[in-house]
Amino acid sequence: MIDSHTFLAIVKRPRLWATAVGAVFAFARAGWWRRAPFLPVPDDELIRWRTATAYGSDDADLVTADVVSYLEWRQRFAQGQTRGG
């Protein structure tokens, strides 16, 4: 899960809000709406794997700048711009 610093970094960037919501649903467990708490909570195994591939350890803390960069990339990719800038 993200910490309050990362959450605030996203809140300060309204242009990324829709992208962040899309990312929440992309990382949610399959069939999340069928199980309590009926929220699109990220799949623990997927988050551990993504963290391990990004940081070399599945228990590493997410870096705020990396989360923001990922959301910016995701937004560019959705718009058909695969390169930065």
Foldseek 3Di string as FASTA:
>chain_A
DADPVLVVVVVVPVVLPVLVVVVLQVQFDPPLCVDPVNDRHGDLVVQLVVCCVVPVGSPDHDDSVVVVVVSVCSVCVVVVRNDDD
